[in-house]
Protein backbone atom coordinates (compact mmCIF):
# COMPACT_ATOMS: atom_id res chain seq x y z
CA UNK A 1 -0.01 -0.05 -0.01
CA UNK A 2 1.33 3.44 -0.99
CA UNK A 3 1.05 5.84 1.87
CA UNK A 4 0.47 9.57 0.95
CA UNK A 5 3.16 12.05 2.03
CA UNK A 6 3.32 15.71 3.11
CA UNK A 7 6.06 18.25 2.89
CA UNK A 8 7.75 19.59 5.93
CA UNK A 9 8.83 23.14 6.36
CA UNK A 10 12.32 22.22 5.37
CA UNK A 11 11.22 20.62 2.11
CA UNK A 12 11.55 17.00 3.20
CA UNK A 13 8.69 14.63 2.39
CA UNK A 14 7.20 12.48 5.25
CA UNK A 15 4.59 9.80 5.13
CA UNK A 16 1.21 10.94 6.75
CA UNK A 17 1.05 7.95 9.10
CA UNK A 18 3.82 5.98 10.65
CA UNK A 19 4.34 2.96 12.83
CA UNK A 20 5.03 3.59 16.63
CA UNK A 21 7.39 1.02 18.15
CA UNK A 22 7.03 1.70 21.86
CA UNK A 23 7.40 -1.62 23.78
CA UNK A 24 8.18 -3.51 20.56
CA UNK A 25 11.49 -5.17 21.24
CA UNK A 26 13.85 -8.01 20.59
CA UNK A 27 13.48 -10.76 18.09
CA UNK A 28 9.73 -10.64 18.23
CA UNK A 29 9.83 -7.01 17.70
CA UNK A 30 11.97 -7.28 14.66
CA UNK A 31 9.54 -9.64 13.09
CA UNK A 32 6.61 -7.45 13.91
CA UNK A 33 8.33 -4.45 12.42
CA UNK A 34 9.33 -6.43 9.44
CA UNK A 35 5.73 -7.53 8.85
CA UNK A 36 4.70 -3.82 8.95
CA UNK A 37 7.29 -2.93 6.42
CA UNK A 38 6.09 -5.66 4.11
CA UNK A 39 2.50 -4.23 4.45
CA UNK A 40 3.64 -0.73 3.37
CA UNK A 41 4.91 1.11 6.41
CA UNK A 42 7.92 3.19 5.59
CA UNK A 43 7.88 5.74 8.48
CA UNK A 44 9.17 4.04 11.72
CA UNK A 45 9.19 5.83 14.98
CA UNK A 46 11.54 4.94 17.80
CA UNK A 47 13.45 6.49 20.63
CA UNK A 48 16.54 5.94 22.70
CA UNK A 49 14.24 5.62 25.81
CA UNK A 50 12.23 2.80 24.05
CA UNK A 51 15.39 0.50 24.16
CA UNK A 52 14.62 -0.77 20.67
CA UNK A 53 16.62 1.26 18.27
CA UNK A 54 18.66 -1.93 17.49
CA UNK A 55 15.51 -3.94 16.63
CA UNK A 56 14.26 -1.20 14.33
CA UNK A 57 17.50 -1.04 12.48
CA UNK A 58 17.59 -4.72 12.13
CA UNK A 59 14.16 -4.94 10.64
CA UNK A 60 15.23 -2.19 8.13
CA UNK A 61 18.26 -4.31 7.12
CA UNK A 62 16.29 -7.51 6.77
CA UNK A 63 13.65 -5.81 4.68
CA UNK A 64 15.98 -5.81 1.74
CA UNK A 65 14.73 -2.37 0.80
CA UNK A 66 17.13 0.60 0.29
CA UNK A 67 17.71 2.94 3.13
CA UNK A 68 16.17 5.74 1.08
CA UNK A 69 12.82 3.97 1.16
CA UNK A 70 12.42 4.63 4.91
CA UNK A 71 11.58 7.69 7.01
CA UNK A 72 13.21 6.81 10.42
CA UNK A 73 12.57 8.87 13.55
CA UNK A 74 14.31 8.74 16.87
CA UNK A 75 14.39 10.91 19.97
CA UNK A 76 16.87 12.42 22.34
CA UNK A 77 16.37 11.49 26.06
CA UNK A 78 16.36 14.15 28.81
CA UNK A 79 19.57 13.03 30.34
CA UNK A 80 21.47 14.04 27.20
CA UNK A 81 20.18 17.61 26.75
CA UNK A 82 23.56 19.24 27.30
CA UNK A 83 25.23 20.10 24.05
CA UNK A 84 28.16 17.65 24.19
CA UNK A 85 25.90 14.84 25.55
CA UNK A 86 23.33 15.40 22.82
CA UNK A 87 26.02 15.37 20.07
CA UNK A 88 27.30 11.99 21.28
CA UNK A 89 23.79 10.64 21.93
CA UNK A 90 22.79 11.27 18.29
CA UNK A 91 25.93 9.36 17.04
CA UNK A 92 25.35 6.49 19.47
CA UNK A 93 21.74 6.10 18.29
CA UNK A 94 22.91 5.87 14.72
CA UNK A 95 25.51 3.25 15.65
CA UNK A 96 22.86 1.20 17.47
CA UNK A 97 20.57 1.35 14.45
CA UNK A 98 23.38 0.72 11.91
CA UNK A 99 22.30 3.86 9.94
CA UNK A 100 24.27 6.82 8.53
CA UNK A 101 21.50 9.38 9.22
CA UNK A 102 18.09 9.96 10.73
CA UNK A 103 15.22 11.31 8.62
CA UNK A 104 13.79 12.91 11.70
CA UNK A 105 15.22 13.43 15.17
CA UNK A 106 13.20 14.92 18.04
CA UNK A 107 13.86 16.18 21.57
CA UNK A 108 11.72 13.75 23.45
CA UNK A 109 10.54 16.15 26.25
CA UNK A 110 11.43 19.80 26.93
CA UNK A 111 12.12 19.35 30.68
CA UNK A 112 11.90 23.10 31.34
CA UNK A 113 12.80 22.62 35.04
CA UNK A 114 16.26 21.34 33.98
CA UNK A 115 16.32 24.02 31.13
CA UNK A 116 18.86 22.60 28.86
CA UNK A 117 16.49 22.02 25.81
CA UNK A 118 17.93 25.16 23.86
CA UNK A 119 21.43 23.46 24.14
CA UNK A 120 19.89 20.15 22.80
CA UNK A 121 18.27 21.96 19.97
CA UNK A 122 21.51 23.61 18.95
CA UNK A 123 23.30 20.25 18.92
CA UNK A 124 20.62 18.88 16.71
CA UNK A 125 20.90 21.94 14.32
CA UNK A 126 24.68 21.22 14.15
CA UNK A 127 24.17 17.50 13.64
CA UNK A 128 21.87 18.23 10.71
CA UNK A 129 24.53 20.50 9.15
CA UNK A 130 27.00 17.59 9.43
CA UNK A 131 24.44 15.31 7.63
CA UNK A 132 23.59 13.13 10.59
CA UNK A 133 19.94 14.16 10.55
CA UNK A 134 17.75 15.44 7.65
CA UNK A 135 14.89 17.00 9.53
CA UNK A 136 14.94 18.13 13.22
CA UNK A 137 11.88 18.55 15.44
CA UNK A 138 10.54 18.24 19.01
CA UNK A 139 8.14 16.31 21.05
CA UNK A 140 5.68 17.47 23.81
CA UNK A 141 6.67 21.14 23.42
CA UNK A 142 4.34 23.83 24.50
CA UNK A 143 4.09 27.26 22.50
CA UNK A 144 6.51 28.91 24.97
CA UNK A 145 9.09 26.24 24.36
CA UNK A 146 8.79 26.46 20.63
CA UNK A 147 9.16 30.28 20.67
CA UNK A 148 12.14 30.09 22.79
CA UNK A 149 14.19 27.71 20.62
CA UNK A 150 13.02 29.61 17.51
CA UNK A 151 13.99 33.00 18.93
CA UNK A 152 17.32 31.80 20.29
CA UNK A 153 18.51 29.78 17.28
CA UNK A 154 16.52 31.02 14.30
CA UNK A 155 15.52 27.53 13.46
CA UNK A 156 11.92 26.30 13.51
CA UNK A 157 11.18 22.64 14.15
CA UNK A 158 9.79 20.63 11.33
CA UNK A 159 7.71 18.58 13.66
CA UNK A 160 6.13 18.49 17.21
CA UNK A 161 5.04 15.15 18.26
CA UNK A 162 2.47 15.37 21.01
CA UNK A 163 -0.07 13.26 22.92
CA UNK A 164 -3.33 13.54 20.89
CA UNK A 165 -6.52 11.40 20.81
CA UNK A 166 -10.20 11.84 21.08
CA UNK A 167 -10.20 12.53 24.80
CA UNK A 168 -7.13 14.87 24.41
CA UNK A 169 -7.88 16.75 21.26
CA UNK A 170 -5.07 19.21 21.43
CA UNK A 171 -6.75 21.87 19.19
CA UNK A 172 -4.77 24.60 20.93
CA UNK A 173 -1.47 22.95 20.14
CA UNK A 174 -2.47 21.89 16.67
CA UNK A 175 -3.14 25.61 15.90
CA UNK A 176 0.06 26.74 17.53
CA UNK A 177 2.14 24.32 15.56
CA UNK A 178 0.32 25.25 12.39
CA UNK A 179 0.71 29.04 12.91
CA UNK A 180 4.50 28.36 13.16
CA UNK A 181 4.57 26.14 10.10
CA UNK A 182 5.19 22.97 12.21
CA UNK A 183 3.59 19.63 11.46
CA UNK A 184 1.83 18.00 14.30
CA UNK A 185 2.28 14.31 14.97
CA UNK A 186 0.24 12.29 17.41
CA UNK A 187 1.62 9.76 19.94
CA UNK A 188 -0.93 7.32 21.40
CA UNK A 189 -3.28 8.47 18.63
CA UNK A 190 -5.86 5.83 19.60
CA UNK A 191 -5.72 6.75 23.29
CA UNK A 192 -3.66 3.55 24.19
CA UNK A 193 -6.84 1.40 24.48
CA UNK A 194 -8.91 3.97 26.36
CA UNK A 195 -12.67 3.98 26.38
CA UNK A 196 -12.62 6.66 23.68
CA UNK A 197 -12.87 3.92 21.04
CA UNK A 198 -16.09 2.81 22.53
CA UNK A 199 -17.83 6.18 22.39
CA UNK A 200 -21.10 5.95 20.51
CA UNK A 201 -20.21 8.74 18.06
CA UNK A 202 -17.03 6.82 16.91
CA UNK A 203 -18.90 3.39 16.82
CA UNK A 204 -21.63 5.01 14.77
CA UNK A 205 -19.15 6.45 12.24
CA UNK A 206 -17.47 3.01 11.98
CA UNK A 207 -20.84 1.58 11.03
CA UNK A 208 -21.59 4.26 8.57
CA UNK A 209 -18.25 3.99 6.75
CA UNK A 210 -17.84 0.20 7.17
CA UNK A 211 -14.52 0.73 9.05
CA UNK A 212 -13.33 -0.20 12.52
CA UNK A 213 -13.28 2.38 15.29
CA UNK A 214 -9.49 2.68 15.14
CA UNK A 215 -9.63 3.66 11.37
CA UNK A 216 -12.18 6.35 12.16
CA UNK A 217 -9.88 7.96 14.81
CA UNK A 218 -6.82 7.74 12.49
CA UNK A 219 -8.79 9.31 9.67
CA UNK A 220 -9.92 11.98 12.00
CA UNK A 221 -6.32 12.76 12.80
CA UNK A 222 -5.19 12.92 9.15
CA UNK A 223 -8.08 15.14 8.18
CA UNK A 224 -6.92 17.56 10.88
CA UNK A 225 -3.46 17.61 9.34
CA UNK A 226 -2.04 15.59 12.17
CA UNK A 227 0.34 12.68 11.44
CA UNK A 228 -0.68 9.63 13.63
CA UNK A 229 1.90 7.19 14.83
CA UNK A 230 -0.04 4.22 15.99
CA UNK A 231 1.67 1.30 17.64
CA UNK A 232 0.57 -2.08 16.45
CA UNK A 233 2.15 -5.61 16.86
CA UNK A 234 -0.71 -7.43 15.46
CA UNK A 235 -0.53 -7.91 11.55
CA UNK A 236 -4.26 -7.31 11.22
CA UNK A 237 -4.12 -4.02 13.12
CA UNK A 238 -1.15 -2.91 11.25
CA UNK A 239 -2.87 -3.45 7.87
CA UNK A 240 -6.08 -1.83 9.12
CA UNK A 241 -4.37 1.27 10.32
CA UNK A 242 -3.06 1.91 6.76
CA UNK A 243 -6.42 1.45 5.23
CA UNK A 244 -7.85 4.90 5.99
CA UNK A 245 -7.60 6.79 2.77
CA UNK A 246 -10.71 5.55 0.86
CA UNK A 247 -13.21 7.60 2.85
CA UNK A 248 -13.41 11.07 4.31
CA UNK A 249 -15.39 12.31 7.46
CA UNK A 250 -17.53 15.41 7.15
CA UNK A 251 -16.77 18.62 8.95
CA UNK A 252 -19.71 17.91 11.31
CA UNK A 253 -18.32 14.42 12.00
CA UNK A 254 -14.79 15.90 12.71
CA UNK A 255 -16.44 18.33 15.13
CA UNK A 256 -18.35 15.47 16.83
CA UNK A 257 -15.23 13.59 17.49
CA UNK A 258 -13.44 16.83 18.69
CA UNK A 259 -16.45 17.18 21.16
CA UNK A 260 -15.22 14.13 23.11
CA UNK A 261 -12.28 16.26 24.47
CA UNK A 262 -11.85 16.17 28.23
CA UNK A 263 -9.98 18.54 30.53
CA UNK A 264 -8.35 15.53 32.21
CA UNK A 265 -8.00 13.52 29.06
CA UNK A 266 -4.24 12.86 29.16
CA UNK A 267 -3.45 9.05 29.50
CA UNK A 268 -0.85 9.49 32.29
CA UNK A 269 -1.28 13.13 33.32
CA UNK A 270 2.01 14.10 31.64
CA UNK A 271 2.18 17.92 31.60
CA UNK A 272 5.19 18.97 29.54
CA UNK A 273 5.76 21.95 31.90
CA UNK A 274 6.00 19.63 34.95
CA UNK A 275 6.92 16.12 33.68
CA UNK A 276 10.40 14.81 34.61
CA UNK A 277 11.17 12.24 31.89
CA UNK A 278 12.44 8.87 32.97
CA UNK A 279 16.11 8.18 32.56
């Protein structure tokens, strides 16, 4: 299956849906990722903190496809935000994956209490200049974090990957990213198995369009201009998550899903201004 692409603010093309690999590890993980690649996934999202960069790299090698066929994302952990640490962490991640470059590299969390994310951003800018990264972005950044790195370095992120699902709609952040020319990606786009998928409005739309509830939610994301990164180990779910481009929700239907938003909708209550990332 051919996945549509969009153009980032740096001119790089990125698939409009990717495979999340959180908790997909080891030999079983390699096989699960390889199955996804065979079904058409080309955007693969990992992170140093997922402890699976090696498995993702191995699946890429076993696929037999050229490196240029893939869009590979990884993320910088909080303990490596200082400039020299970030520089080495990027190199080590590439060694672990057996790759020469990342298509996209993100600061995993801003950690404003530690206040080294501008250093980390500068290290990524310089790594891009050296050809180790094609596109640079951030994850879980709020508008004030975005504005600070833009003002202090003159470089705008290509992507901001944030928690986003029907109980945490993130219209404020989607608009903030859009206003700055940044593409929004969604982690846990299905709500990590939350009750959102059982909401009557989503079940009714699934019936109307002869799709499953996950496909309705993923289409809701893409029509909002958001790139979902759903995790799926199961082959049926992997295939289904890609099969979302043969129908469109109406504006009223998009609004009805938006209306499921909750003030306490975060999965684990991770406020980017307060959250102290695990090491």
